[in-house]
Amino acid sequence: MILPIKKFPDKVLRAPTQAVVFPLSPEIKKLTADMIDTVKAADGIGLAAPQVGKSVKLVVINLEKSGLELFPLYNPRIVKTGFKKIEIEEGCLSLPGIFGMVKRPKKVSVEAYSASGQKVVFEDDGWVSRVVQHELDHINGTLIIDLVRKYTQGGDVVKAWKKQKLL
């Protein structure tokens, strides 16, 4: 089922998230399936549970267009970052029309759990690294508008939000 994507300034985007408990409950299994349907329907490359109104540590990474199989991560966390940083334009499904330059570590090491509860540890310095960092920001209440160094689109909207004290 395709879920509605929460848009800023919805408070769920900033709310603390809870760890996913194993074995997965039927609700979390359904949420995972619905998030997969939702990210595909939105043509997104990643989606975090807060973006669909659920305050749990669950993200889905959708880089199928880059040849990688879509995968969920439960309770993900970055355990190590590389020294080199790279600045790339980012957008967000919860901030339609807002794009800007965000500087992040190029390489990250991630620890997470699979749907079966198995610990997964991986390292990446490409698109997976970038998308995982963006989605982990979501489960920690951080949005790209907190990180953008220069807006490439929608900066006027962000200025208006600041005047309204939404930021």
N, C-alpha and C. Protein backbone atom coordinates (compact mmCIF):
# COMPACT_ATOMS: atom_id res chain seq x y z
N MET A 1 0.84 -1.17 0.00
CA MET A 1 0.00 0.00 0.00
C MET A 1 0.89 1.24 0.00
N ILE A 2 0.54 2.20 -0.82
CA ILE A 2 1.30 3.44 -0.88
C ILE A 2 0.83 4.36 0.25
N LEU A 3 1.79 4.82 1.04
CA LEU A 3 1.50 5.68 2.19
C LEU A 3 1.72 7.14 1.83
N PRO A 4 0.98 8.05 2.48
CA PRO A 4 1.25 9.47 2.25
C PRO A 4 2.60 9.86 2.86
N ILE A 5 3.36 10.66 2.14
CA ILE A 5 4.66 11.11 2.63
C ILE A 5 4.46 12.42 3.39
N LYS A 6 4.95 12.44 4.62
CA LYS A 6 4.84 13.63 5.48
C LYS A 6 5.77 14.72 4.94
N LYS A 7 5.26 15.93 4.96
CA LYS A 7 6.02 17.08 4.46
C LYS A 7 6.37 18.02 5.62
N PHE A 8 7.50 18.68 5.50
CA PHE A 8 7.89 19.69 6.46
C PHE A 8 6.81 20.78 6.46
N PRO A 9 6.34 21.26 7.63
CA PRO A 9 6.90 21.15 8.97
C PRO A 9 6.24 20.10 9.88
N ASP A 10 5.73 19.03 9.33
CA ASP A 10 5.11 17.99 10.16
C ASP A 10 6.06 17.59 11.30
N LYS A 11 5.56 17.59 12.50
CA LYS A 11 6.38 17.34 13.69
C LYS A 11 6.98 15.93 13.74
N VAL A 12 6.38 14.96 13.08
CA VAL A 12 6.92 13.59 13.10
C VAL A 12 8.31 13.54 12.47
N LEU A 13 8.62 14.49 11.60
CA LEU A 13 9.93 14.51 10.95
C LEU A 13 11.05 14.87 11.92
N ARG A 14 10.70 15.45 13.06
CA ARG A 14 11.70 15.83 14.07
C ARG A 14 11.60 14.98 15.34
N ALA A 15 10.61 14.11 15.41
CA ALA A 15 10.36 13.34 16.63
C ALA A 15 11.41 12.25 16.85
N PRO A 16 11.72 11.93 18.11
CA PRO A 16 12.64 10.82 18.39
C PRO A 16 12.06 9.51 17.85
N THR A 17 12.95 8.60 17.45
CA THR A 17 12.51 7.31 16.93
C THR A 17 12.89 6.19 17.89
N GLN A 18 12.12 5.12 17.84
CA GLN A 18 12.34 3.96 18.68
C GLN A 18 13.01 2.84 17.87
N ALA A 19 13.80 2.04 18.55
CA ALA A 19 14.44 0.89 17.90
C ALA A 19 13.38 -0.13 17.49
N VAL A 20 13.64 -0.81 16.39
CA VAL A 20 12.79 -1.91 15.94
C VAL A 20 13.17 -3.13 16.78
N VAL A 21 12.16 -3.88 17.21
CA VAL A 21 12.36 -5.06 18.05
C VAL A 21 12.24 -6.31 17.18
N PHE A 22 13.07 -7.32 17.49
CA PHE A 22 13.05 -8.58 16.76
C PHE A 22 12.52 -9.68 17.65
N PRO A 23 11.82 -10.69 17.10
CA PRO A 23 11.43 -10.80 15.69
C PRO A 23 10.47 -9.68 15.30
N LEU A 24 10.48 -9.36 14.01
CA LEU A 24 9.64 -8.27 13.52
C LEU A 24 8.17 -8.57 13.76
N SER A 25 7.46 -7.56 14.22
CA SER A 25 6.02 -7.68 14.42
C SER A 25 5.32 -7.64 13.07
N PRO A 26 4.09 -8.11 12.99
CA PRO A 26 3.34 -7.99 11.74
C PRO A 26 3.21 -6.53 11.29
N GLU A 27 3.13 -5.61 12.24
CA GLU A 27 3.01 -4.18 11.91
C GLU A 27 4.28 -3.66 11.23
N ILE A 28 5.44 -4.06 11.74
CA ILE A 28 6.70 -3.61 11.14
C ILE A 28 6.92 -4.27 9.78
N LYS A 29 6.53 -5.53 9.65
CA LYS A 29 6.62 -6.20 8.35
C LYS A 29 5.75 -5.48 7.32
N LYS A 30 4.54 -5.10 7.72
CA LYS A 30 3.64 -4.39 6.81
C LYS A 30 4.19 -3.00 6.50
N LEU A 31 4.70 -2.32 7.53
CA LEU A 31 5.29 -0.99 7.32
C LEU A 31 6.43 -1.09 6.31
N THR A 32 7.28 -2.09 6.44
CA THR A 32 8.40 -2.26 5.50
C THR A 32 7.88 -2.44 4.08
N ALA A 33 6.91 -3.31 3.89
CA ALA A 33 6.35 -3.55 2.55
C ALA A 33 5.71 -2.28 2.01
N ASP A 34 4.98 -1.56 2.87
CA ASP A 34 4.32 -0.32 2.43
C ASP A 34 5.35 0.76 2.10
N MET A 35 6.44 0.83 2.86
CA MET A 35 7.49 1.80 2.55
C MET A 35 8.15 1.49 1.22
N ILE A 36 8.33 0.21 0.92
CA ILE A 36 8.90 -0.18 -0.37
C ILE A 36 7.97 0.26 -1.50
N ASP A 37 6.67 0.00 -1.36
CA ASP A 37 5.70 0.44 -2.36
C ASP A 37 5.74 1.96 -2.51
N THR A 38 5.84 2.66 -1.39
CA THR A 38 5.80 4.13 -1.38
C THR A 38 7.02 4.73 -2.03
N VAL A 39 8.22 4.24 -1.70
CA VAL A 39 9.44 4.81 -2.29
C VAL A 39 9.48 4.57 -3.79
N LYS A 40 9.00 3.41 -4.22
CA LYS A 40 8.95 3.14 -5.67
C LYS A 40 7.95 4.05 -6.36
N ALA A 41 6.77 4.20 -5.77
CA ALA A 41 5.73 5.05 -6.38
C ALA A 41 6.17 6.51 -6.46
N ALA A 42 6.97 6.94 -5.47
CA ALA A 42 7.45 8.33 -5.43
C ALA A 42 8.71 8.52 -6.27
N ASP A 43 9.23 7.43 -6.86
CA ASP A 43 10.47 7.45 -7.61
C ASP A 43 11.62 7.99 -6.76
N GLY A 44 11.61 7.57 -5.48
CA GLY A 44 12.65 8.00 -4.55
C GLY A 44 13.78 7.00 -4.48
N ILE A 45 14.91 7.45 -3.95
CA ILE A 45 16.06 6.56 -3.79
C ILE A 45 16.22 6.10 -2.35
N GLY A 46 15.41 6.64 -1.47
CA GLY A 46 15.43 6.23 -0.08
C GLY A 46 14.21 6.78 0.63
N LEU A 47 13.85 6.13 1.74
CA LEU A 47 12.70 6.56 2.53
C LEU A 47 12.92 6.09 3.96
N ALA A 48 12.64 6.96 4.91
CA ALA A 48 12.75 6.63 6.33
C ALA A 48 11.35 6.61 6.95
N ALA A 49 11.17 5.77 7.95
CA ALA A 49 9.86 5.61 8.59
C ALA A 49 9.23 6.93 9.03
N PRO A 50 9.98 7.89 9.60
CA PRO A 50 9.33 9.15 9.98
C PRO A 50 8.66 9.87 8.79
N GLN A 51 9.16 9.63 7.59
CA GLN A 51 8.59 10.28 6.42
C GLN A 51 7.20 9.75 6.08
N VAL A 52 6.83 8.62 6.67
CA VAL A 52 5.47 8.09 6.49
C VAL A 52 4.74 8.06 7.83
N GLY A 53 5.23 8.87 8.77
CA GLY A 53 4.52 9.07 10.02
C GLY A 53 4.81 8.08 11.13
N LYS A 54 5.84 7.26 10.98
CA LYS A 54 6.17 6.25 12.00
C LYS A 54 7.53 6.55 12.63
N SER A 55 7.57 6.67 13.92
CA SER A 55 8.80 7.03 14.63
C SER A 55 9.59 5.81 15.05
N VAL A 56 10.05 5.06 14.05
CA VAL A 56 10.88 3.88 14.29
C VAL A 56 12.13 3.94 13.42
N LYS A 57 13.15 3.21 13.84
CA LYS A 57 14.44 3.21 13.13
C LYS A 57 14.41 2.19 11.98
N LEU A 58 13.79 2.61 10.91
CA LEU A 58 13.66 1.78 9.71
C LEU A 58 13.82 2.67 8.49
N VAL A 59 14.67 2.24 7.56
CA VAL A 59 14.85 2.95 6.29
C VAL A 59 14.85 1.93 5.17
N VAL A 60 14.45 2.38 3.98
CA VAL A 60 14.60 1.55 2.78
C VAL A 60 15.46 2.31 1.79
N ILE A 61 16.36 1.59 1.15
CA ILE A 61 17.28 2.16 0.18
C ILE A 61 16.90 1.60 -1.18
N ASN A 62 16.60 2.50 -2.12
CA ASN A 62 16.12 2.09 -3.44
C ASN A 62 17.04 2.62 -4.54
N LEU A 63 18.08 1.87 -4.80
CA LEU A 63 19.01 2.24 -5.88
C LEU A 63 18.92 1.24 -7.03
N GLU A 64 17.70 0.76 -7.28
CA GLU A 64 17.49 -0.20 -8.36
C GLU A 64 17.91 0.37 -9.71
N LYS A 65 17.71 1.68 -9.91
CA LYS A 65 18.11 2.30 -11.18
C LYS A 65 19.63 2.29 -11.36
N SER A 66 20.35 2.10 -10.25
CA SER A 66 21.81 2.00 -10.31
C SER A 66 22.26 0.54 -10.30
N GLY A 67 21.30 -0.38 -10.41
CA GLY A 67 21.62 -1.79 -10.49
C GLY A 67 21.71 -2.53 -9.17
N LEU A 68 21.31 -1.87 -8.08
CA LEU A 68 21.33 -2.53 -6.76
C LEU A 68 19.92 -2.92 -6.35
N GLU A 69 19.80 -4.05 -5.71
CA GLU A 69 18.50 -4.49 -5.22
C GLU A 69 18.06 -3.60 -4.06
N LEU A 70 16.77 -3.25 -4.03
CA LEU A 70 16.22 -2.46 -2.95
C LEU A 70 16.36 -3.23 -1.63
N PHE A 71 16.71 -2.53 -0.54
CA PHE A 71 16.85 -3.23 0.73
C PHE A 71 16.44 -2.34 1.91
N PRO A 72 15.84 -2.98 2.93
CA PRO A 72 15.53 -2.25 4.16
C PRO A 72 16.67 -2.42 5.17
N LEU A 73 16.80 -1.45 6.06
CA LEU A 73 17.75 -1.52 7.16
C LEU A 73 16.99 -1.21 8.45
N TYR A 74 17.16 -2.07 9.43
CA TYR A 74 16.52 -1.89 10.73
C TYR A 74 17.57 -1.46 11.75
N ASN A 75 17.25 -0.44 12.52
CA ASN A 75 18.15 0.09 13.55
C ASN A 75 19.54 0.43 13.00
N PRO A 76 19.59 1.09 11.84
CA PRO A 76 20.91 1.39 11.25
C PRO A 76 21.63 2.49 12.02
N ARG A 77 22.94 2.40 11.99
CA ARG A 77 23.75 3.47 12.55
C ARG A 77 25.11 3.49 11.85
N ILE A 78 25.66 4.66 11.76
CA ILE A 78 26.98 4.82 11.16
C ILE A 78 28.00 4.60 12.27
N VAL A 79 28.91 3.66 12.06
CA VAL A 79 29.90 3.35 13.08
C VAL A 79 31.25 3.98 12.79
N LYS A 80 31.47 4.41 11.54
CA LYS A 80 32.74 5.03 11.18
C LYS A 80 32.53 5.84 9.91
N THR A 81 33.21 6.98 9.84
CA THR A 81 33.17 7.78 8.61
C THR A 81 34.60 7.99 8.12
N GLY A 82 34.73 8.11 6.82
CA GLY A 82 36.02 8.41 6.23
C GLY A 82 36.37 9.87 6.43
N PHE A 83 37.62 10.20 6.22
CA PHE A 83 38.09 11.57 6.39
C PHE A 83 37.62 12.48 5.25
N LYS A 84 37.63 11.95 4.02
CA LYS A 84 37.29 12.76 2.85
C LYS A 84 35.79 13.06 2.82
N LYS A 85 35.47 14.33 2.53
CA LYS A 85 34.07 14.74 2.40
C LYS A 85 33.81 15.17 0.97
N ILE A 86 32.55 15.04 0.58
CA ILE A 86 32.16 15.41 -0.77
C ILE A 86 30.84 16.17 -0.69
N GLU A 87 30.74 17.22 -1.52
CA GLU A 87 29.53 18.04 -1.54
C GLU A 87 28.74 17.72 -2.79
N ILE A 88 27.48 17.34 -2.60
CA ILE A 88 26.59 16.96 -3.70
C ILE A 88 25.23 17.59 -3.46
N GLU A 89 24.52 17.87 -4.54
CA GLU A 89 23.15 18.38 -4.42
C GLU A 89 22.23 17.27 -3.91
N GLU A 90 21.40 17.62 -2.93
CA GLU A 90 20.43 16.67 -2.40
C GLU A 90 19.05 17.31 -2.41
N GLY A 91 18.06 16.44 -2.53
CA GLY A 91 16.66 16.81 -2.39
C GLY A 91 16.03 15.83 -1.42
N CYS A 92 14.73 15.99 -1.17
CA CYS A 92 14.07 15.14 -0.19
C CYS A 92 12.58 15.05 -0.49
N LEU A 93 12.03 13.84 -0.38
CA LEU A 93 10.60 13.66 -0.63
C LEU A 93 9.74 14.44 0.36
N SER A 94 10.27 14.73 1.55
CA SER A 94 9.52 15.49 2.55
C SER A 94 9.69 17.00 2.39
N LEU A 95 10.52 17.40 1.44
CA LEU A 95 10.77 18.81 1.16
C LEU A 95 10.69 19.05 -0.35
N PRO A 96 9.52 18.81 -0.94
CA PRO A 96 9.44 18.93 -2.41
C PRO A 96 9.83 20.33 -2.89
N GLY A 97 10.62 20.33 -3.95
CA GLY A 97 11.04 21.60 -4.56
C GLY A 97 12.24 22.24 -3.89
N ILE A 98 12.77 21.64 -2.84
CA ILE A 98 13.93 22.18 -2.14
C ILE A 98 15.15 21.32 -2.48
N PHE A 99 16.17 21.96 -3.01
CA PHE A 99 17.41 21.27 -3.35
C PHE A 99 18.58 22.14 -2.92
N GLY A 100 19.65 21.49 -2.46
CA GLY A 100 20.81 22.26 -2.06
C GLY A 100 22.04 21.38 -1.93
N MET A 101 23.16 22.06 -1.79
CA MET A 101 24.44 21.39 -1.68
C MET A 101 24.70 20.98 -0.22
N VAL A 102 24.93 19.68 -0.05
CA VAL A 102 25.18 19.12 1.28
C VAL A 102 26.53 18.41 1.26
N LYS A 103 27.37 18.73 2.24
CA LYS A 103 28.69 18.10 2.37
C LYS A 103 28.59 16.97 3.38
N ARG A 104 29.01 15.79 2.95
CA ARG A 104 28.98 14.60 3.81
C ARG A 104 30.26 13.79 3.61
N PRO A 105 30.57 12.92 4.59
CA PRO A 105 31.69 12.01 4.37
C PRO A 105 31.44 11.14 3.13
N LYS A 106 32.47 10.94 2.34
CA LYS A 106 32.33 10.10 1.14
C LYS A 106 32.14 8.64 1.54
N LYS A 107 32.87 8.20 2.55
CA LYS A 107 32.85 6.79 2.95
C LYS A 107 32.26 6.64 4.36
N VAL A 108 31.38 5.64 4.50
CA VAL A 108 30.85 5.32 5.82
C VAL A 108 30.85 3.81 6.04
N SER A 109 30.94 3.45 7.30
CA SER A 109 30.74 2.06 7.72
C SER A 109 29.42 2.06 8.49
N VAL A 110 28.55 1.12 8.12
CA VAL A 110 27.20 1.08 8.68
C VAL A 110 26.97 -0.26 9.37
N GLU A 111 26.29 -0.19 10.50
CA GLU A 111 25.85 -1.39 11.19
C GLU A 111 24.32 -1.32 11.25
N ALA A 112 23.67 -2.40 10.89
CA ALA A 112 22.20 -2.44 10.89
C ALA A 112 21.78 -3.89 11.06
N TYR A 113 20.49 -4.12 10.95
CA TYR A 113 19.95 -5.48 11.05
C TYR A 113 19.06 -5.75 9.85
N SER A 114 19.06 -7.00 9.43
CA SER A 114 18.19 -7.44 8.34
C SER A 114 16.82 -7.79 8.92
N ALA A 115 15.87 -8.10 8.05
CA ALA A 115 14.52 -8.46 8.50
C ALA A 115 14.53 -9.70 9.39
N SER A 116 15.53 -10.56 9.23
CA SER A 116 15.61 -11.78 10.04
C SER A 116 16.29 -11.52 11.39
N GLY A 117 16.77 -10.30 11.60
CA GLY A 117 17.43 -9.97 12.86
C GLY A 117 18.93 -10.19 12.84
N GLN A 118 19.47 -10.52 11.67
CA GLN A 118 20.92 -10.72 11.54
C GLN A 118 21.62 -9.37 11.46
N LYS A 119 22.73 -9.24 12.21
CA LYS A 119 23.51 -8.01 12.12
C LYS A 119 24.18 -7.94 10.75
N VAL A 120 24.12 -6.77 10.15
CA VAL A 120 24.72 -6.51 8.84
C VAL A 120 25.70 -5.36 9.03
N VAL A 121 26.93 -5.54 8.58
CA VAL A 121 27.92 -4.47 8.63
C VAL A 121 28.47 -4.30 7.21
N PHE A 122 28.48 -3.07 6.73
CA PHE A 122 29.03 -2.83 5.40
C PHE A 122 29.66 -1.46 5.33
N GLU A 123 30.50 -1.30 4.31
CA GLU A 123 31.19 -0.04 4.07
C GLU A 123 30.92 0.36 2.63
N ASP A 124 30.76 1.65 2.40
CA ASP A 124 30.52 2.11 1.03
C ASP A 124 31.05 3.52 0.88
N ASP A 125 31.48 3.84 -0.34
CA ASP A 125 31.92 5.21 -0.63
C ASP A 125 31.26 5.74 -1.90
N GLY A 126 30.08 5.18 -2.22
CA GLY A 126 29.34 5.62 -3.41
C GLY A 126 27.94 6.05 -3.04
N TRP A 127 26.99 5.73 -3.91
CA TRP A 127 25.60 6.16 -3.71
C TRP A 127 24.97 5.57 -2.46
N VAL A 128 25.30 4.33 -2.13
CA VAL A 128 24.73 3.73 -0.91
C VAL A 128 25.13 4.57 0.30
N SER A 129 26.40 4.95 0.37
CA SER A 129 26.88 5.79 1.47
C SER A 129 26.06 7.07 1.57
N ARG A 130 25.88 7.71 0.44
CA ARG A 130 25.18 9.00 0.42
C ARG A 130 23.73 8.84 0.86
N VAL A 131 23.04 7.87 0.29
CA VAL A 131 21.62 7.68 0.60
C VAL A 131 21.43 7.22 2.04
N VAL A 132 22.28 6.33 2.50
CA VAL A 132 22.17 5.87 3.89
C VAL A 132 22.35 7.05 4.85
N GLN A 133 23.32 7.91 4.60
CA GLN A 133 23.53 9.06 5.48
C GLN A 133 22.29 9.96 5.51
N HIS A 134 21.70 10.21 4.35
CA HIS A 134 20.50 11.05 4.26
C HIS A 134 19.35 10.41 5.04
N GLU A 135 19.13 9.12 4.85
CA GLU A 135 18.02 8.44 5.52
C GLU A 135 18.25 8.30 7.02
N LEU A 136 19.49 8.07 7.43
CA LEU A 136 19.78 8.02 8.86
C LEU A 136 19.56 9.38 9.51
N ASP A 137 19.83 10.45 8.78
CA ASP A 137 19.49 11.77 9.31
C ASP A 137 18.01 11.82 9.67
N HIS A 138 17.16 11.27 8.81
CA HIS A 138 15.71 11.30 9.07
C HIS A 138 15.36 10.60 10.38
N ILE A 139 15.96 9.44 10.65
CA ILE A 139 15.59 8.75 11.89
C ILE A 139 16.20 9.41 13.11
N ASN A 140 17.07 10.41 12.86
CA ASN A 140 17.64 11.20 13.96
C ASN A 140 17.07 12.62 14.00
N GLY A 141 16.00 12.87 13.23
CA GLY A 141 15.33 14.17 13.27
C GLY A 141 16.01 15.29 12.51
N THR A 142 16.97 14.95 11.66
CA THR A 142 17.69 15.96 10.88
C THR A 142 17.19 15.95 9.45
N LEU A 143 17.05 17.15 8.88
CA LEU A 143 16.61 17.30 7.49
C LEU A 143 17.68 18.03 6.70
N ILE A 144 17.63 17.93 5.39
CA ILE A 144 18.66 18.60 4.58
C ILE A 144 18.66 20.11 4.80
N ILE A 145 17.52 20.68 5.18
CA ILE A 145 17.49 22.13 5.43
C ILE A 145 18.35 22.51 6.64
N ASP A 146 18.74 21.53 7.44
CA ASP A 146 19.65 21.76 8.55
C ASP A 146 21.11 21.72 8.09
N LEU A 147 21.34 21.17 6.90
CA LEU A 147 22.70 20.90 6.44
C LEU A 147 23.11 21.64 5.17
N VAL A 148 22.13 22.15 4.42
CA VAL A 148 22.44 22.77 3.12
C VAL A 148 23.36 23.96 3.30
N ARG A 149 24.39 23.99 2.47
CA ARG A 149 25.34 25.09 2.48
C ARG A 149 24.94 26.16 1.46
N LYS A 150 24.30 25.70 0.37
CA LYS A 150 23.86 26.63 -0.68
C LYS A 150 22.66 25.99 -1.35
N TYR A 151 21.55 26.74 -1.43
CA TYR A 151 20.35 26.22 -2.09
C TYR A 151 20.48 26.37 -3.60
N THR A 152 20.09 25.33 -4.31
CA THR A 152 20.08 25.37 -5.77
C THR A 152 18.65 25.54 -6.28
N GLN A 153 17.69 25.26 -5.41
CA GLN A 153 16.27 25.45 -5.75
C GLN A 153 15.49 25.51 -4.44
N GLY A 154 14.55 26.45 -4.35
CA GLY A 154 13.67 26.52 -3.19
C GLY A 154 14.21 27.31 -2.02
N GLY A 155 15.32 28.01 -2.18
CA GLY A 155 15.88 28.80 -1.09
C GLY A 155 14.92 29.86 -0.59
N ASP A 156 14.10 30.40 -1.49
CA ASP A 156 13.11 31.42 -1.09
C ASP A 156 12.07 30.83 -0.13
N VAL A 157 11.71 29.57 -0.34
CA VAL A 157 10.75 28.90 0.54
C VAL A 157 11.36 28.74 1.93
N VAL A 158 12.62 28.35 1.99
CA VAL A 158 13.30 28.17 3.26
C VAL A 158 13.40 29.51 4.00
N LYS A 159 13.68 30.59 3.28
CA LYS A 159 13.73 31.93 3.91
C LYS A 159 12.38 32.28 4.52
N ALA A 160 11.31 31.94 3.81
CA ALA A 160 9.96 32.21 4.33
C ALA A 160 9.70 31.39 5.60
N TRP A 161 10.15 30.14 5.60
CA TRP A 161 9.99 29.30 6.80
C TRP A 161 10.73 29.90 7.98
N LYS A 162 11.93 30.44 7.72
CA LYS A 162 12.70 31.07 8.79
C LYS A 162 11.97 32.28 9.35
N LYS A 163 11.37 33.08 8.47
CA LYS A 163 10.61 34.25 8.92
C LYS A 163 9.40 33.82 9.75
N GLN A 164 8.81 32.69 9.41
CA GLN A 164 7.66 32.16 10.16
C GLN A 164 8.09 31.39 11.40
N LYS A 165 9.41 31.33 11.64
CA LYS A 165 10.01 30.64 12.78
C LYS A 165 9.69 29.14 12.78
N LEU A 166 9.61 28.57 11.57
CA LEU A 166 9.43 27.11 11.44
C LEU A 166 10.77 26.41 11.51
N LEU A 167 11.85 27.17 11.32
CA LEU A 167 13.22 26.62 11.39
C LEU A 167 13.96 27.24 12.55
